[in-house]
């Protein structure tokens, strides 16, 4: 009986199988890179806001404490956004005729909140509490990046689960004394891990990696 398929068919079949495997691997790699890219995560992408508020100017240069605006950060799950009255504490006296600040004056005049664009957020199915982290020695800049250097605010980290778990698995690498949580100029010491282990014991910090810690 004559051969139905040409001998080259075996080679073609092997190449097709290997090619498909390589293609699927390449697609998986591309999907992974895309999921970690700024296109998806918005990392390092500054958002246009109704008013171009500069943390660099207010925090880095003028030295305002984070809690001056985010008053609830030590006691609430949300850090809180400042009411327009907080802005007008200064801007009723400073830059009172600046066109750039007209939305602030209009908000105060009309008693209508400014619609800020959210920069840092976790999905709705994730529970995050600011006060717990702050009181355990997790600094603002640990999650939000060098805000004191940001002329416009951008997301410094992905805030994805893998990134959160890096800290939850090894909190000793990240925690600092409570009195330095809001210090944007704080530098971690060379013995950070030793200090971190000491603070973990003092602040009763646990390495929490159970799903129910964040997904409730």
N, C-alpha and C. Protein backbone atom coordinates (compact mmCIF):
# COMPACT_ATOMS: atom_id res chain seq x y z
N UNK A 1 0.85 -1.19 0.00
CA UNK A 1 0.00 0.00 0.00
C UNK A 1 0.89 1.24 0.00
N UNK A 2 0.57 2.13 -0.86
CA UNK A 2 1.38 3.35 -0.96
C UNK A 2 1.17 4.26 0.24
N UNK A 3 2.19 5.04 0.55
CA UNK A 3 2.13 5.97 1.69
C UNK A 3 1.17 7.10 1.38
N UNK A 4 0.24 7.33 2.34
CA UNK A 4 -0.79 8.37 2.12
C UNK A 4 -0.20 9.77 2.26
N UNK A 5 0.58 9.99 3.35
CA UNK A 5 1.14 11.31 3.58
C UNK A 5 2.62 11.33 3.21
N UNK A 6 3.04 12.43 2.72
CA UNK A 6 4.45 12.61 2.40
C UNK A 6 5.24 12.65 3.69
N UNK A 7 6.49 12.17 3.63
CA UNK A 7 7.32 12.12 4.83
C UNK A 7 7.52 13.49 5.47
N UNK A 8 7.45 14.52 4.67
CA UNK A 8 7.64 15.88 5.22
C UNK A 8 6.50 16.28 6.15
N UNK A 9 5.39 15.55 6.10
CA UNK A 9 4.26 15.86 6.97
C UNK A 9 4.63 15.74 8.44
N UNK A 10 5.47 14.76 8.77
CA UNK A 10 5.91 14.60 10.16
C UNK A 10 6.65 15.83 10.64
N UNK A 11 7.52 16.34 9.78
CA UNK A 11 8.28 17.55 10.14
C UNK A 11 7.35 18.74 10.31
N UNK A 12 6.40 18.86 9.38
CA UNK A 12 5.44 19.97 9.47
C UNK A 12 4.63 19.89 10.76
N UNK A 13 4.22 18.65 11.12
CA UNK A 13 3.44 18.47 12.35
C UNK A 13 4.24 18.88 13.57
N UNK A 14 5.52 18.45 13.61
CA UNK A 14 6.36 18.81 14.76
C UNK A 14 6.53 20.33 14.85
N UNK A 15 6.81 20.94 13.71
CA UNK A 15 7.00 22.40 13.70
C UNK A 15 5.72 23.10 14.15
N UNK A 16 4.56 22.60 13.73
CA UNK A 16 3.29 23.20 14.12
C UNK A 16 3.07 23.11 15.62
N UNK A 17 3.39 21.93 16.21
CA UNK A 17 3.20 21.75 17.65
C UNK A 17 4.14 22.65 18.44
N UNK A 18 5.42 22.63 18.05
CA UNK A 18 6.38 23.49 18.75
C UNK A 18 6.05 24.96 18.54
N UNK A 19 5.64 25.29 17.33
CA UNK A 19 5.29 26.68 17.04
C UNK A 19 4.11 27.15 17.87
N UNK A 20 3.10 26.26 18.03
CA UNK A 20 1.94 26.62 18.85
C UNK A 20 2.34 26.83 20.30
N UNK A 21 3.24 25.96 20.79
CA UNK A 21 3.71 26.10 22.18
C UNK A 21 4.43 27.43 22.37
N UNK A 22 5.29 27.76 21.41
CA UNK A 22 6.03 29.02 21.49
C UNK A 22 5.06 30.20 21.40
N UNK A 23 4.06 30.09 20.52
CA UNK A 23 3.08 31.17 20.36
C UNK A 23 2.30 31.41 21.65
N UNK A 24 1.82 30.33 22.28
CA UNK A 24 1.07 30.47 23.52
C UNK A 24 1.95 31.04 24.63
N UNK A 25 3.21 30.62 24.68
CA UNK A 25 4.14 31.17 25.68
C UNK A 25 4.36 32.66 25.44
N UNK A 26 4.50 33.04 24.17
CA UNK A 26 4.70 34.45 23.82
C UNK A 26 3.47 35.28 24.18
N UNK A 27 2.28 34.72 23.92
CA UNK A 27 1.04 35.43 24.26
C UNK A 27 0.91 35.59 25.77
N UNK A 28 1.28 34.54 26.53
CA UNK A 28 1.24 34.63 27.99
C UNK A 28 2.19 35.69 28.52
N UNK A 29 3.40 35.71 27.95
CA UNK A 29 4.39 36.72 28.35
C UNK A 29 3.89 38.12 28.02
N UNK A 30 3.30 38.28 26.82
CA UNK A 30 2.78 39.60 26.41
C UNK A 30 1.64 40.05 27.32
N UNK A 31 0.76 39.10 27.70
CA UNK A 31 -0.35 39.43 28.60
C UNK A 31 0.18 39.86 29.97
N UNK A 32 1.21 39.16 30.44
CA UNK A 32 1.82 39.51 31.74
C UNK A 32 2.43 40.91 31.69
N UNK A 33 3.18 41.19 30.64
CA UNK A 33 3.82 42.50 30.52
C UNK A 33 2.78 43.60 30.38
N UNK A 34 1.70 43.31 29.66
CA UNK A 34 0.64 44.30 29.50
C UNK A 34 -0.03 44.59 30.83
N UNK A 35 -0.29 43.54 31.63
CA UNK A 35 -0.96 43.72 32.92
C UNK A 35 -0.12 44.54 33.89
N UNK A 36 1.21 44.53 33.69
CA UNK A 36 2.11 45.29 34.56
C UNK A 36 2.54 46.62 33.96
N UNK A 37 2.00 46.94 32.80
CA UNK A 37 2.41 48.17 32.10
C UNK A 37 1.61 49.37 32.60
N UNK A 38 2.13 50.58 32.44
CA UNK A 38 1.38 51.78 32.83
C UNK A 38 0.04 51.90 32.12
N UNK A 39 -0.10 51.28 30.96
CA UNK A 39 -1.37 51.32 30.23
C UNK A 39 -2.49 50.72 31.07
N UNK A 40 -2.16 49.70 31.86
CA UNK A 40 -3.15 49.04 32.71
C UNK A 40 -3.09 49.56 34.14
N UNK A 41 -1.90 49.73 34.68
CA UNK A 41 -1.74 50.08 36.09
C UNK A 41 -1.80 51.59 36.36
N UNK A 42 -1.57 52.41 35.33
CA UNK A 42 -1.50 53.87 35.49
C UNK A 42 -0.30 54.32 36.32
N UNK A 43 0.67 53.45 36.53
CA UNK A 43 1.86 53.82 37.29
C UNK A 43 2.63 54.91 36.54
N UNK A 44 3.01 55.96 37.26
CA UNK A 44 3.77 57.10 36.74
C UNK A 44 3.00 57.92 35.72
N UNK A 45 1.69 57.77 35.70
CA UNK A 45 0.84 58.56 34.78
C UNK A 45 0.12 59.63 35.60
N UNK A 46 0.48 60.89 35.40
CA UNK A 46 -0.16 61.98 36.13
C UNK A 46 -1.55 62.23 35.57
N UNK A 47 -2.52 62.39 36.45
CA UNK A 47 -3.90 62.61 36.06
C UNK A 47 -4.20 64.11 35.98
N UNK A 48 -4.94 64.49 34.96
CA UNK A 48 -5.40 65.88 34.87
C UNK A 48 -6.47 66.10 35.93
N UNK A 49 -6.33 67.17 36.68
CA UNK A 49 -7.26 67.48 37.77
C UNK A 49 -7.94 68.83 37.52
N UNK A 50 -9.07 69.07 38.17
CA UNK A 50 -9.73 70.38 38.02
C UNK A 50 -8.82 71.54 38.43
N UNK A 51 -7.95 71.25 39.41
CA UNK A 51 -6.93 72.21 39.84
C UNK A 51 -5.60 71.46 39.90
N UNK A 52 -4.56 71.97 39.26
CA UNK A 52 -3.27 71.24 39.24
C UNK A 52 -2.55 71.34 40.59
N UNK A 53 -3.06 70.62 41.57
CA UNK A 53 -2.48 70.67 42.91
C UNK A 53 -1.10 70.02 42.91
N UNK A 54 -0.15 70.70 43.53
CA UNK A 54 1.23 70.21 43.58
C UNK A 54 1.61 69.80 44.99
N UNK A 55 1.80 68.49 45.19
CA UNK A 55 2.34 68.02 46.46
C UNK A 55 3.78 68.49 46.64
N UNK A 56 4.49 68.60 45.53
CA UNK A 56 5.88 69.06 45.60
C UNK A 56 5.95 70.44 46.25
N UNK A 57 5.05 71.33 45.85
CA UNK A 57 5.05 72.68 46.40
C UNK A 57 4.54 72.69 47.85
N UNK A 58 3.38 72.08 48.07
CA UNK A 58 2.75 72.18 49.38
C UNK A 58 3.46 71.34 50.45
N UNK A 59 3.88 70.14 50.08
CA UNK A 59 4.51 69.23 51.04
C UNK A 59 6.02 69.34 51.03
N UNK A 60 6.60 69.22 49.82
CA UNK A 60 8.06 69.22 49.70
C UNK A 60 8.70 70.56 50.00
N UNK A 61 8.05 71.65 49.53
CA UNK A 61 8.65 72.98 49.69
C UNK A 61 8.11 73.74 50.90
N UNK A 62 6.78 73.73 51.09
CA UNK A 62 6.19 74.47 52.21
C UNK A 62 6.19 73.65 53.49
N UNK A 63 6.31 72.34 53.37
CA UNK A 63 6.41 71.49 54.56
C UNK A 63 5.09 71.16 55.23
N UNK A 64 3.97 71.23 54.50
CA UNK A 64 2.70 70.86 55.10
C UNK A 64 2.70 69.38 55.47
N UNK A 65 2.18 69.06 56.62
CA UNK A 65 2.04 67.68 57.06
C UNK A 65 0.88 67.02 56.30
N UNK A 66 1.03 65.74 55.98
CA UNK A 66 -0.02 65.03 55.25
C UNK A 66 -1.38 65.16 55.95
N UNK A 67 -1.35 65.16 57.27
CA UNK A 67 -2.58 65.17 58.06
C UNK A 67 -3.30 66.52 58.03
N UNK A 68 -2.64 67.55 57.53
CA UNK A 68 -3.30 68.84 57.43
C UNK A 68 -4.48 68.75 56.47
N UNK A 69 -4.29 68.00 55.39
CA UNK A 69 -5.36 67.82 54.40
C UNK A 69 -6.09 66.49 54.59
N UNK A 70 -5.33 65.43 54.83
CA UNK A 70 -5.92 64.09 54.97
C UNK A 70 -6.13 63.81 56.46
N UNK A 71 -7.13 64.46 57.00
CA UNK A 71 -7.31 64.50 58.45
C UNK A 71 -7.74 63.16 59.06
N UNK A 72 -8.32 62.28 58.26
CA UNK A 72 -8.87 61.05 58.81
C UNK A 72 -7.91 59.87 58.73
N UNK A 73 -6.71 60.10 58.21
CA UNK A 73 -5.82 58.98 57.89
C UNK A 73 -5.41 58.14 59.09
N UNK A 74 -5.39 58.73 60.28
CA UNK A 74 -4.98 57.98 61.48
C UNK A 74 -6.13 57.26 62.16
N UNK A 75 -7.37 57.59 61.77
CA UNK A 75 -8.53 57.06 62.50
C UNK A 75 -9.57 56.39 61.63
N UNK A 76 -9.35 56.37 60.33
CA UNK A 76 -10.39 55.87 59.44
C UNK A 76 -9.78 55.00 58.35
N UNK A 77 -10.63 54.18 57.74
CA UNK A 77 -10.16 53.38 56.61
C UNK A 77 -9.78 54.25 55.44
N UNK A 78 -10.44 55.42 55.32
CA UNK A 78 -10.13 56.36 54.24
C UNK A 78 -9.26 57.49 54.77
N UNK A 79 -8.31 57.92 53.93
CA UNK A 79 -7.46 59.05 54.34
C UNK A 79 -8.24 60.35 54.35
N UNK A 80 -9.30 60.42 53.54
CA UNK A 80 -10.12 61.62 53.47
C UNK A 80 -9.54 62.66 52.53
N UNK A 81 -10.43 63.40 51.89
CA UNK A 81 -10.04 64.52 51.03
C UNK A 81 -10.39 65.82 51.74
N UNK A 82 -9.55 66.82 51.62
CA UNK A 82 -9.81 68.06 52.35
C UNK A 82 -11.01 68.81 51.78
N UNK A 83 -11.85 69.38 52.65
CA UNK A 83 -12.92 70.25 52.15
C UNK A 83 -12.31 71.54 51.60
N UNK A 84 -13.07 72.23 50.79
CA UNK A 84 -12.56 73.46 50.18
C UNK A 84 -12.17 74.49 51.24
N UNK A 85 -12.84 74.44 52.38
CA UNK A 85 -12.48 75.37 53.46
C UNK A 85 -11.02 75.24 53.86
N UNK A 86 -10.49 74.02 53.80
CA UNK A 86 -9.08 73.81 54.15
C UNK A 86 -8.19 74.56 53.17
N UNK A 87 -8.51 74.46 51.88
CA UNK A 87 -7.73 75.18 50.86
C UNK A 87 -7.82 76.69 51.09
N UNK A 88 -9.03 77.16 51.42
CA UNK A 88 -9.25 78.60 51.55
C UNK A 88 -8.64 79.16 52.83
N UNK A 89 -8.23 78.30 53.75
CA UNK A 89 -7.53 78.79 54.93
C UNK A 89 -6.33 79.64 54.52
N UNK A 90 -5.63 79.15 53.48
CA UNK A 90 -4.48 79.90 52.95
C UNK A 90 -4.88 80.76 51.76
N UNK A 91 -5.68 80.21 50.87
CA UNK A 91 -5.91 80.88 49.59
C UNK A 91 -6.96 81.98 49.63
N UNK A 92 -7.48 82.26 50.82
CA UNK A 92 -8.24 83.50 50.98
C UNK A 92 -7.29 84.67 51.19
N UNK A 93 -6.00 84.34 51.43
CA UNK A 93 -4.97 85.36 51.65
C UNK A 93 -3.85 85.28 50.61
N UNK A 94 -3.65 84.12 50.03
CA UNK A 94 -2.52 83.90 49.13
C UNK A 94 -3.05 83.53 47.73
N UNK A 95 -2.51 84.17 46.71
CA UNK A 95 -2.92 83.91 45.32
C UNK A 95 -4.44 84.04 45.16
N UNK A 96 -4.99 85.09 45.73
CA UNK A 96 -6.44 85.25 45.77
C UNK A 96 -7.04 85.54 44.40
N UNK A 97 -6.24 86.03 43.46
CA UNK A 97 -6.76 86.35 42.13
C UNK A 97 -6.22 85.43 41.04
N UNK A 98 -5.59 84.34 41.43
CA UNK A 98 -5.02 83.43 40.44
C UNK A 98 -6.11 82.73 39.64
N UNK A 99 -6.06 82.83 38.31
CA UNK A 99 -7.06 82.13 37.48
C UNK A 99 -7.03 80.61 37.71
N UNK A 100 -5.86 80.08 37.99
CA UNK A 100 -5.71 78.65 38.20
C UNK A 100 -6.53 78.17 39.39
N UNK A 101 -6.74 79.06 40.38
CA UNK A 101 -7.46 78.69 41.60
C UNK A 101 -8.93 79.07 41.57
N UNK A 102 -9.43 79.51 40.42
CA UNK A 102 -10.84 79.87 40.32
C UNK A 102 -11.76 78.71 40.67
N UNK A 103 -11.46 77.44 40.27
CA UNK A 103 -12.33 76.33 40.70
C UNK A 103 -12.42 76.18 42.22
N UNK A 104 -11.34 76.54 42.92
CA UNK A 104 -11.37 76.47 44.38
C UNK A 104 -12.28 77.56 44.93
N UNK A 105 -12.13 78.76 44.41
CA UNK A 105 -12.98 79.87 44.87
C UNK A 105 -14.45 79.61 44.54
N UNK A 106 -14.69 79.06 43.34
CA UNK A 106 -16.06 78.75 42.94
C UNK A 106 -16.67 77.68 43.84
N UNK A 107 -15.86 76.68 44.20
CA UNK A 107 -16.33 75.62 45.09
C UNK A 107 -16.72 76.20 46.45
N UNK A 108 -15.91 77.10 46.95
CA UNK A 108 -16.18 77.72 48.24
C UNK A 108 -17.40 78.64 48.16
N UNK A 109 -17.47 79.39 47.07
CA UNK A 109 -18.57 80.34 46.89
C UNK A 109 -19.91 79.64 46.70
N UNK A 110 -19.90 78.54 45.94
CA UNK A 110 -21.15 77.84 45.61
C UNK A 110 -21.45 76.68 46.55
N UNK A 111 -20.52 76.44 47.50
CA UNK A 111 -20.68 75.31 48.43
C UNK A 111 -20.88 74.00 47.67
N UNK A 112 -20.01 73.78 46.69
CA UNK A 112 -20.07 72.58 45.86
C UNK A 112 -18.68 71.97 45.78
N UNK A 113 -18.56 70.71 46.12
CA UNK A 113 -17.26 70.05 46.19
C UNK A 113 -16.57 69.99 44.82
N UNK A 114 -15.25 70.09 44.84
CA UNK A 114 -14.45 69.91 43.62
C UNK A 114 -14.43 68.42 43.28
N UNK A 115 -14.61 68.10 42.04
CA UNK A 115 -14.63 66.71 41.59
C UNK A 115 -13.21 66.27 41.20
N UNK A 116 -12.45 65.87 42.21
CA UNK A 116 -11.08 65.41 41.96
C UNK A 116 -11.09 64.05 41.27
N UNK A 117 -10.07 63.77 40.49
CA UNK A 117 -9.92 62.49 39.81
C UNK A 117 -9.11 61.55 40.71
N UNK A 118 -9.68 60.38 41.00
CA UNK A 118 -9.01 59.42 41.89
C UNK A 118 -7.72 58.92 41.25
N UNK A 119 -6.63 58.93 42.00
CA UNK A 119 -5.33 58.47 41.50
C UNK A 119 -4.98 57.11 42.07
N UNK A 120 -5.06 56.98 43.37
CA UNK A 120 -4.72 55.71 44.03
C UNK A 120 -6.00 55.04 44.51
N UNK A 121 -6.24 53.83 44.03
CA UNK A 121 -7.44 53.11 44.42
C UNK A 121 -7.22 51.61 44.24
N UNK A 122 -7.83 50.83 45.11
CA UNK A 122 -7.84 49.38 44.97
C UNK A 122 -9.23 48.97 44.48
N UNK A 123 -9.37 47.79 43.90
CA UNK A 123 -10.70 47.36 43.42
C UNK A 123 -11.72 47.29 44.55
N UNK A 124 -12.99 47.32 44.19
CA UNK A 124 -14.07 47.30 45.19
C UNK A 124 -14.07 46.03 46.02
N UNK A 125 -13.50 44.95 45.48
CA UNK A 125 -13.51 43.69 46.24
C UNK A 125 -12.31 43.57 47.18
N UNK A 126 -11.55 44.65 47.33
CA UNK A 126 -10.39 44.66 48.23
C UNK A 126 -10.66 45.63 49.38
N UNK A 127 -10.44 45.15 50.59
CA UNK A 127 -10.60 46.00 51.77
C UNK A 127 -9.23 46.54 52.17
N UNK A 128 -9.15 47.87 52.27
CA UNK A 128 -7.90 48.50 52.70
C UNK A 128 -8.23 49.55 53.75
N UNK A 129 -7.48 49.55 54.84
CA UNK A 129 -7.70 50.48 55.93
C UNK A 129 -6.45 51.31 56.17
N UNK A 130 -6.55 52.62 55.94
CA UNK A 130 -5.39 53.49 56.12
C UNK A 130 -4.93 53.53 57.58
N UNK A 131 -5.87 53.64 58.50
CA UNK A 131 -5.49 53.82 59.91
C UNK A 131 -4.69 52.64 60.44
N UNK A 132 -5.05 51.42 60.03
CA UNK A 132 -4.32 50.24 60.50
C UNK A 132 -2.87 50.31 60.04
N UNK A 133 -2.68 50.62 58.77
CA UNK A 133 -1.31 50.66 58.22
C UNK A 133 -0.49 51.77 58.85
N UNK A 134 -1.08 52.96 58.98
CA UNK A 134 -0.36 54.09 59.56
C UNK A 134 0.06 53.79 61.00
N UNK A 135 -0.85 53.22 61.78
CA UNK A 135 -0.57 52.94 63.18
C UNK A 135 0.35 51.74 63.38
N UNK A 136 0.59 50.98 62.32
CA UNK A 136 1.56 49.88 62.38
C UNK A 136 2.92 50.30 61.85
N UNK A 137 3.06 51.58 61.48
CA UNK A 137 4.36 52.07 61.06
C UNK A 137 4.61 52.02 59.56
N UNK A 138 3.54 51.95 58.77
CA UNK A 138 3.69 51.99 57.31
C UNK A 138 3.56 53.43 56.86
N UNK A 139 4.60 53.95 56.23
CA UNK A 139 4.63 55.36 55.84
C UNK A 139 3.78 55.63 54.61
N UNK A 140 3.38 56.88 54.46
CA UNK A 140 2.63 57.30 53.27
C UNK A 140 3.40 56.98 52.00
N UNK A 141 4.70 57.28 52.01
CA UNK A 141 5.50 57.11 50.80
C UNK A 141 5.73 55.65 50.44
N UNK A 142 5.53 54.74 51.40
CA UNK A 142 5.69 53.32 51.09
C UNK A 142 4.72 52.90 50.01
N UNK A 143 3.50 53.39 50.09
CA UNK A 143 2.48 53.05 49.09
C UNK A 143 2.36 54.12 48.01
N UNK A 144 2.42 55.38 48.41
CA UNK A 144 2.14 56.47 47.48
C UNK A 144 3.37 57.03 46.79
N UNK A 145 4.55 56.52 47.15
CA UNK A 145 5.75 56.98 46.49
C UNK A 145 6.19 58.35 46.99
N UNK A 146 7.17 58.95 46.31
CA UNK A 146 7.73 60.23 46.77
C UNK A 146 6.81 61.41 46.47
N UNK A 147 5.71 61.49 47.21
CA UNK A 147 4.71 62.52 46.94
C UNK A 147 5.28 63.93 47.08
N UNK A 148 6.28 64.08 47.95
CA UNK A 148 6.88 65.39 48.12
C UNK A 148 7.64 65.89 46.91
N UNK A 149 7.82 65.03 45.92
CA UNK A 149 8.50 65.41 44.69
C UNK A 149 7.55 65.46 43.48
N UNK A 150 6.25 65.31 43.73
CA UNK A 150 5.29 65.23 42.63
C UNK A 150 4.63 66.58 42.37
N UNK A 151 4.96 67.24 41.25
CA UNK A 151 4.27 68.48 40.90
C UNK A 151 2.81 68.21 40.55
N UNK A 152 2.54 67.06 39.95
CA UNK A 152 1.18 66.55 39.78
C UNK A 152 1.19 65.12 40.30
N UNK A 153 0.09 64.71 40.91
CA UNK A 153 0.08 63.41 41.58
C UNK A 153 -0.08 62.27 40.58
N UNK A 154 0.76 61.25 40.75
CA UNK A 154 0.62 60.04 39.94
C UNK A 154 0.69 58.82 40.86
N UNK A 155 0.26 57.68 40.33
CA UNK A 155 0.34 56.44 41.08
C UNK A 155 1.76 55.91 40.99
N UNK A 156 2.37 55.68 42.14
CA UNK A 156 3.77 55.26 42.18
C UNK A 156 3.93 53.74 42.12
N UNK A 157 2.92 53.00 42.55
CA UNK A 157 2.99 51.55 42.59
C UNK A 157 1.72 50.95 41.99
N UNK A 158 1.81 49.69 41.58
CA UNK A 158 0.68 49.07 40.88
C UNK A 158 -0.53 48.90 41.78
N UNK A 159 -0.32 48.70 43.08
CA UNK A 159 -1.38 48.40 44.05
C UNK A 159 -2.05 47.06 43.72
N UNK A 160 -1.39 46.24 42.93
CA UNK A 160 -1.91 44.91 42.64
C UNK A 160 -1.57 43.96 43.78
N UNK A 161 -2.22 42.80 43.80
CA UNK A 161 -2.10 41.88 44.92
C UNK A 161 -0.65 41.44 45.16
N UNK A 162 0.07 41.13 44.10
CA UNK A 162 1.45 40.69 44.26
C UNK A 162 2.30 41.74 44.94
N UNK A 163 2.06 43.00 44.61
CA UNK A 163 2.81 44.10 45.22
C UNK A 163 2.47 44.22 46.71
N UNK A 164 1.19 44.09 47.06
CA UNK A 164 0.79 44.16 48.46
C UNK A 164 1.40 43.00 49.25
N UNK A 165 1.42 41.82 48.65
CA UNK A 165 1.93 40.64 49.35
C UNK A 165 3.42 40.73 49.64
N UNK A 166 4.15 41.47 48.82
CA UNK A 166 5.59 41.65 49.10
C UNK A 166 5.79 42.25 50.48
N UNK A 167 4.93 43.15 50.86
CA UNK A 167 5.02 43.79 52.18
C UNK A 167 4.41 42.90 53.25
N UNK A 168 3.27 42.29 52.95
CA UNK A 168 2.60 41.46 53.94
C UNK A 168 3.43 40.24 54.33
N UNK A 169 4.22 39.74 53.39
CA UNK A 169 5.06 38.58 53.70
C UNK A 169 6.28 38.97 54.54
N UNK A 170 6.81 40.17 54.28
CA UNK A 170 8.03 40.60 54.96
C UNK A 170 7.89 42.04 55.46
N UNK A 171 6.99 42.29 56.40
CA UNK A 171 6.77 43.67 56.86
C UNK A 171 7.99 44.31 57.49
N UNK A 172 8.91 43.50 58.00
CA UNK A 172 10.09 44.07 58.65
C UNK A 172 10.93 44.91 57.69
N UNK A 173 10.77 44.69 56.40
CA UNK A 173 11.56 45.44 55.41
C UNK A 173 11.00 46.85 55.17
N UNK A 174 9.77 47.09 55.64
CA UNK A 174 9.10 48.32 55.26
C UNK A 174 8.66 49.21 56.42
N UNK A 175 8.40 48.63 57.60
CA UNK A 175 7.86 49.44 58.68
C UNK A 175 8.92 50.37 59.26
N UNK A 176 8.44 51.46 59.83
CA UNK A 176 9.33 52.44 60.45
C UNK A 176 8.70 52.92 61.75
N UNK A 177 9.43 53.64 62.60
CA UNK A 177 8.83 54.16 63.84
C UNK A 177 7.62 55.04 63.53
N UNK A 178 6.61 54.96 64.36
CA UNK A 178 5.37 55.71 64.12
C UNK A 178 5.61 57.21 63.97
N UNK A 179 6.56 57.72 64.73
CA UNK A 179 6.80 59.16 64.67
C UNK A 179 7.39 59.60 63.33
N UNK A 180 7.80 58.64 62.50
CA UNK A 180 8.38 58.97 61.20
C UNK A 180 7.47 58.61 60.02
N UNK A 181 6.25 58.17 60.32
CA UNK A 181 5.35 57.72 59.26
C UNK A 181 5.06 58.83 58.25
N UNK A 182 4.95 60.07 58.73
CA UNK A 182 4.60 61.19 57.85
C UNK A 182 5.81 62.01 57.43
N UNK A 183 6.99 61.52 57.75
CA UNK A 183 8.23 62.22 57.40
C UNK A 183 8.68 61.81 56.00
N UNK A 184 8.53 62.70 55.03
CA UNK A 184 8.86 62.36 53.65
C UNK A 184 10.37 62.31 53.42
N UNK A 185 11.14 62.81 54.37
CA UNK A 185 12.60 62.82 54.21
C UNK A 185 13.28 61.68 54.98
N UNK A 186 12.50 60.83 55.60
CA UNK A 186 13.04 59.72 56.39
C UNK A 186 13.83 58.76 55.51
N UNK A 187 14.99 58.34 55.99
CA UNK A 187 15.82 57.38 55.28
C UNK A 187 15.91 56.09 56.11
N UNK A 188 15.63 54.97 55.48
CA UNK A 188 15.71 53.70 56.20
C UNK A 188 17.15 53.46 56.64
N UNK A 189 17.36 53.01 57.88
CA UNK A 189 18.72 52.76 58.36
C UNK A 189 19.29 51.49 57.75
N UNK A 190 20.59 51.31 57.89
CA UNK A 190 21.24 50.12 57.35
C UNK A 190 20.74 48.85 58.02
N UNK A 191 20.33 48.97 59.28
CA UNK A 191 19.82 47.80 60.00
C UNK A 191 18.29 47.74 59.95
N UNK A 192 17.72 48.10 58.78
CA UNK A 192 16.27 48.17 58.65
C UNK A 192 15.57 46.88 59.08
N UNK A 193 16.08 45.74 58.67
CA UNK A 193 15.38 44.50 59.00
C UNK A 193 15.41 44.22 60.50
N UNK A 194 16.53 44.53 61.16
CA UNK A 194 16.60 44.36 62.61
C UNK A 194 15.63 45.31 63.30
N UNK A 195 15.62 46.57 62.83
CA UNK A 195 14.67 47.54 63.37
C UNK A 195 13.24 47.10 63.10
N UNK A 196 13.01 46.60 61.89
CA UNK A 196 11.66 46.17 61.51
C UNK A 196 11.17 45.03 62.39
N UNK A 197 12.03 44.07 62.68
CA UNK A 197 11.65 42.96 63.54
C UNK A 197 11.32 43.45 64.95
N UNK A 198 12.09 44.43 65.42
CA UNK A 198 11.83 45.03 66.75
C UNK A 198 10.47 45.73 66.76
N UNK A 199 10.18 46.49 65.67
CA UNK A 199 8.91 47.21 65.59
C UNK A 199 7.74 46.26 65.42
N UNK A 200 7.95 45.16 64.71
CA UNK A 200 6.88 44.17 64.55
C UNK A 200 6.44 43.65 65.91
N UNK A 201 7.41 43.41 66.79
CA UNK A 201 7.09 42.93 68.13
C UNK A 201 6.44 44.03 68.96
N UNK A 202 6.96 45.24 68.85
CA UNK A 202 6.45 46.36 69.64
C UNK A 202 5.04 46.77 69.21
N UNK A 203 4.79 46.79 67.87
CA UNK A 203 3.50 47.21 67.34
C UNK A 203 2.54 46.05 67.11
N UNK A 204 2.98 44.84 67.48
CA UNK A 204 2.17 43.64 67.30
C UNK A 204 1.75 43.45 65.84
N UNK A 205 2.74 43.53 64.96
CA UNK A 205 2.52 43.36 63.53
C UNK A 205 2.63 41.88 63.17
N UNK A 206 1.66 41.39 62.45
CA UNK A 206 1.68 40.01 61.98
C UNK A 206 1.90 39.97 60.47
N UNK A 207 2.45 38.88 60.00
CA UNK A 207 2.62 38.67 58.57
C UNK A 207 1.34 38.03 58.04
N UNK A 208 0.38 38.86 57.68
CA UNK A 208 -0.95 38.37 57.29
C UNK A 208 -1.04 38.17 55.79
N UNK A 209 -1.20 36.93 55.38
CA UNK A 209 -1.31 36.61 53.95
C UNK A 209 -2.57 35.82 53.62
N UNK A 210 -3.45 35.63 54.62
CA UNK A 210 -4.72 34.94 54.35
C UNK A 210 -5.57 35.77 53.40
N UNK A 211 -6.31 35.10 52.54
CA UNK A 211 -7.17 35.80 51.58
C UNK A 211 -8.14 36.74 52.28
N UNK A 212 -8.69 36.28 53.43
CA UNK A 212 -9.71 37.05 54.13
C UNK A 212 -9.16 38.33 54.77
N UNK A 213 -7.86 38.50 54.78
CA UNK A 213 -7.29 39.74 55.31
C UNK A 213 -7.75 40.93 54.48
N UNK A 214 -7.78 40.75 53.19
CA UNK A 214 -8.15 41.86 52.28
C UNK A 214 -9.46 41.61 51.54
N UNK A 215 -9.80 40.34 51.33
CA UNK A 215 -11.03 40.01 50.60
C UNK A 215 -12.07 39.52 51.60
N UNK A 216 -13.00 40.43 51.93
CA UNK A 216 -13.96 40.13 53.00
C UNK A 216 -15.38 40.05 52.44
